[in-house]
């Protein structure tokens, strides 16, 4: 087990800091895009549901 952990630590030490920053930025952008897509999906489904079954009806709004 000691050899396995030292190989991981050796591998992490040899990776440049720029690579870690690029990976972090890519993960951040990816999570942001997924969150935006999820929000658009939820909002769209809510709007479609409101159009199909309106709860509020009004008369004579525009004369």
N, C-alpha and C. Protein backbone atom coordinates (compact mmCIF):
# COMPACT_ATOMS: atom_id res chain seq x y z
N UNK A 1 0.81 -1.20 0.00
CA UNK A 1 0.00 0.00 0.00
C UNK A 1 0.86 1.26 0.00
N UNK A 2 2.00 1.22 0.59
CA UNK A 2 2.85 2.41 0.66
C UNK A 2 3.31 2.80 -0.73
N UNK A 3 3.60 1.84 -1.57
CA UNK A 3 4.05 2.13 -2.93
C UNK A 3 2.97 2.80 -3.75
N UNK A 4 1.71 2.40 -3.54
CA UNK A 4 0.61 2.98 -4.31
C UNK A 4 0.40 4.44 -3.94
N UNK A 5 0.45 4.76 -2.66
CA UNK A 5 0.23 6.14 -2.26
C UNK A 5 1.40 7.04 -2.68
N UNK A 6 2.61 6.51 -2.64
CA UNK A 6 3.74 7.33 -3.04
C UNK A 6 3.74 7.57 -4.55
N UNK A 7 3.21 6.61 -5.32
CA UNK A 7 3.14 6.85 -6.77
C UNK A 7 2.10 7.91 -7.09
N UNK A 8 1.00 7.92 -6.33
CA UNK A 8 -0.01 8.98 -6.54
C UNK A 8 0.56 10.34 -6.17
N UNK A 9 1.22 10.42 -5.05
CA UNK A 9 1.77 11.71 -4.63
C UNK A 9 2.86 12.17 -5.59
N UNK A 10 3.65 11.23 -6.09
CA UNK A 10 4.68 11.59 -7.06
C UNK A 10 4.05 12.10 -8.36
N UNK A 11 2.96 11.46 -8.78
CA UNK A 11 2.28 11.89 -10.00
C UNK A 11 1.68 13.28 -9.82
N UNK A 12 1.08 13.54 -8.65
CA UNK A 12 0.48 14.86 -8.41
C UNK A 12 1.52 15.96 -8.34
N UNK A 13 2.69 15.65 -7.81
CA UNK A 13 3.75 16.64 -7.71
C UNK A 13 4.29 17.00 -9.09
N UNK A 14 4.29 16.04 -10.00
CA UNK A 14 4.86 16.28 -11.31
C UNK A 14 3.91 17.04 -12.25
N UNK A 15 2.64 17.13 -11.91
CA UNK A 15 1.69 17.88 -12.73
C UNK A 15 1.90 19.37 -12.47
N UNK A 16 1.94 20.15 -13.55
CA UNK A 16 2.20 21.58 -13.39
C UNK A 16 0.98 22.30 -12.78
N UNK A 17 1.20 23.39 -12.07
CA UNK A 17 0.09 24.15 -11.49
C UNK A 17 -0.86 24.70 -12.56
N UNK A 18 -0.34 25.00 -13.73
CA UNK A 18 -1.21 25.49 -14.81
C UNK A 18 -2.23 24.44 -15.22
N UNK A 19 -1.82 23.20 -15.20
CA UNK A 19 -2.75 22.12 -15.55
C UNK A 19 -3.87 22.04 -14.52
N UNK A 20 -3.53 22.17 -13.25
CA UNK A 20 -4.57 22.17 -12.22
C UNK A 20 -5.54 23.34 -12.41
N UNK A 21 -5.02 24.51 -12.77
CA UNK A 21 -5.90 25.67 -12.96
C UNK A 21 -6.80 25.47 -14.16
N UNK A 22 -6.27 24.90 -15.25
CA UNK A 22 -7.09 24.66 -16.43
C UNK A 22 -8.18 23.64 -16.14
N UNK A 23 -7.83 22.60 -15.39
CA UNK A 23 -8.83 21.59 -15.03
C UNK A 23 -9.92 22.21 -14.14
N UNK A 24 -9.52 23.05 -13.20
CA UNK A 24 -10.49 23.71 -12.33
C UNK A 24 -11.42 24.64 -13.09
N UNK A 25 -10.86 25.40 -14.03
CA UNK A 25 -11.68 26.30 -14.83
C UNK A 25 -12.66 25.50 -15.69
N UNK A 26 -12.18 24.40 -16.29
CA UNK A 26 -13.05 23.58 -17.13
C UNK A 26 -14.19 22.97 -16.31
N UNK A 27 -13.87 22.50 -15.11
CA UNK A 27 -14.93 21.94 -14.25
C UNK A 27 -15.93 23.03 -13.86
N UNK A 28 -15.43 24.22 -13.53
CA UNK A 28 -16.32 25.32 -13.16
C UNK A 28 -17.25 25.72 -14.29
N UNK A 29 -16.71 25.82 -15.50
CA UNK A 29 -17.55 26.18 -16.65
C UNK A 29 -18.56 25.07 -16.93
N UNK A 30 -18.11 23.83 -16.83
CA UNK A 30 -19.02 22.71 -17.08
C UNK A 30 -20.18 22.67 -16.10
N UNK A 31 -19.89 22.88 -14.83
CA UNK A 31 -20.96 22.88 -13.82
C UNK A 31 -21.89 24.08 -14.02
N UNK A 32 -21.32 25.21 -14.42
CA UNK A 32 -22.14 26.39 -14.68
C UNK A 32 -23.10 26.16 -15.85
N UNK A 33 -22.60 25.54 -16.91
CA UNK A 33 -23.45 25.25 -18.07
C UNK A 33 -24.55 24.26 -17.70
N UNK A 34 -24.20 23.24 -16.93
CA UNK A 34 -25.23 22.29 -16.50
C UNK A 34 -26.30 22.96 -15.63
N UNK A 35 -25.87 23.84 -14.73
CA UNK A 35 -26.84 24.55 -13.89
C UNK A 35 -27.74 25.46 -14.69
N UNK A 36 -27.17 26.15 -15.68
CA UNK A 36 -27.98 27.02 -16.52
C UNK A 36 -28.98 26.21 -17.34
N UNK A 37 -28.53 25.08 -17.88
CA UNK A 37 -29.43 24.24 -18.67
C UNK A 37 -30.57 23.70 -17.81
N UNK A 38 -30.24 23.31 -16.59
CA UNK A 38 -31.26 22.80 -15.67
C UNK A 38 -32.28 23.89 -15.34
N UNK A 39 -31.79 25.10 -15.09
CA UNK A 39 -32.70 26.21 -14.79
C UNK A 39 -33.60 26.56 -15.96
N UNK A 40 -33.04 26.53 -17.17
CA UNK A 40 -33.85 26.81 -18.36
C UNK A 40 -34.90 25.72 -18.54
N UNK A 41 -34.52 24.47 -18.32
CA UNK A 41 -35.47 23.37 -18.45
C UNK A 41 -36.61 23.50 -17.44
N UNK A 42 -36.27 23.80 -16.20
CA UNK A 42 -37.30 23.92 -15.16
C UNK A 42 -38.23 25.10 -15.47
N UNK A 43 -37.65 26.23 -15.86
CA UNK A 43 -38.46 27.40 -16.17
C UNK A 43 -39.35 27.15 -17.38
N UNK A 44 -38.79 26.49 -18.38
CA UNK A 44 -39.59 26.20 -19.57
C UNK A 44 -40.75 25.28 -19.27
N UNK A 45 -40.52 24.27 -18.46
CA UNK A 45 -41.61 23.34 -18.14
C UNK A 45 -42.68 24.03 -17.30
N UNK A 46 -42.26 24.95 -16.45
CA UNK A 46 -43.25 25.70 -15.65
C UNK A 46 -44.08 26.60 -16.55
N UNK A 47 -43.44 27.27 -17.50
CA UNK A 47 -44.17 28.16 -18.41
C UNK A 47 -45.12 27.37 -19.31
N UNK A 48 -44.67 26.22 -19.79
CA UNK A 48 -45.54 25.39 -20.63
C UNK A 48 -46.75 24.92 -19.83
N UNK A 49 -46.52 24.54 -18.57
CA UNK A 49 -47.64 24.12 -17.73
C UNK A 49 -48.62 25.26 -17.46
N UNK A 50 -48.09 26.48 -17.32
CA UNK A 50 -48.97 27.63 -17.08
C UNK A 50 -49.76 27.97 -18.33
N UNK A 51 -49.19 27.75 -19.49
CA UNK A 51 -49.91 28.04 -20.73
C UNK A 51 -51.01 27.00 -20.95
N UNK A 52 -50.72 25.74 -20.67
CA UNK A 52 -51.70 24.68 -20.89
C UNK A 52 -52.87 24.75 -19.91
N UNK A 53 -52.62 25.10 -18.67
CA UNK A 53 -53.67 25.13 -17.65
C UNK A 53 -53.57 26.44 -16.87
N UNK A 54 -54.08 27.53 -17.42
CA UNK A 54 -53.97 28.81 -16.70
C UNK A 54 -54.85 28.83 -15.45
N UNK A 55 -54.28 29.30 -14.37
CA UNK A 55 -55.03 29.41 -13.11
C UNK A 55 -55.76 30.74 -13.01
N UNK A 56 -55.20 31.76 -13.62
CA UNK A 56 -55.77 33.10 -13.52
C UNK A 56 -56.38 33.47 -14.86
N UNK A 57 -57.64 33.83 -14.83
CA UNK A 57 -58.30 34.33 -16.04
C UNK A 57 -58.80 35.72 -15.75
N UNK A 58 -58.73 36.55 -16.75
CA UNK A 58 -59.20 37.92 -16.56
C UNK A 58 -60.03 38.34 -17.77
N UNK A 59 -60.98 39.25 -17.52
CA UNK A 59 -61.82 39.75 -18.59
C UNK A 59 -61.59 41.25 -18.73
N UNK A 60 -61.72 41.70 -19.92
CA UNK A 60 -61.69 43.13 -20.22
C UNK A 60 -60.39 43.79 -19.79
N UNK A 61 -59.28 43.12 -19.99
CA UNK A 61 -58.01 43.76 -19.71
C UNK A 61 -57.68 44.80 -20.78
N UNK A 62 -57.99 44.46 -22.01
CA UNK A 62 -57.72 45.37 -23.11
C UNK A 62 -59.05 45.79 -23.72
N UNK A 63 -59.27 47.07 -23.81
CA UNK A 63 -60.53 47.55 -24.38
C UNK A 63 -60.32 48.02 -25.77
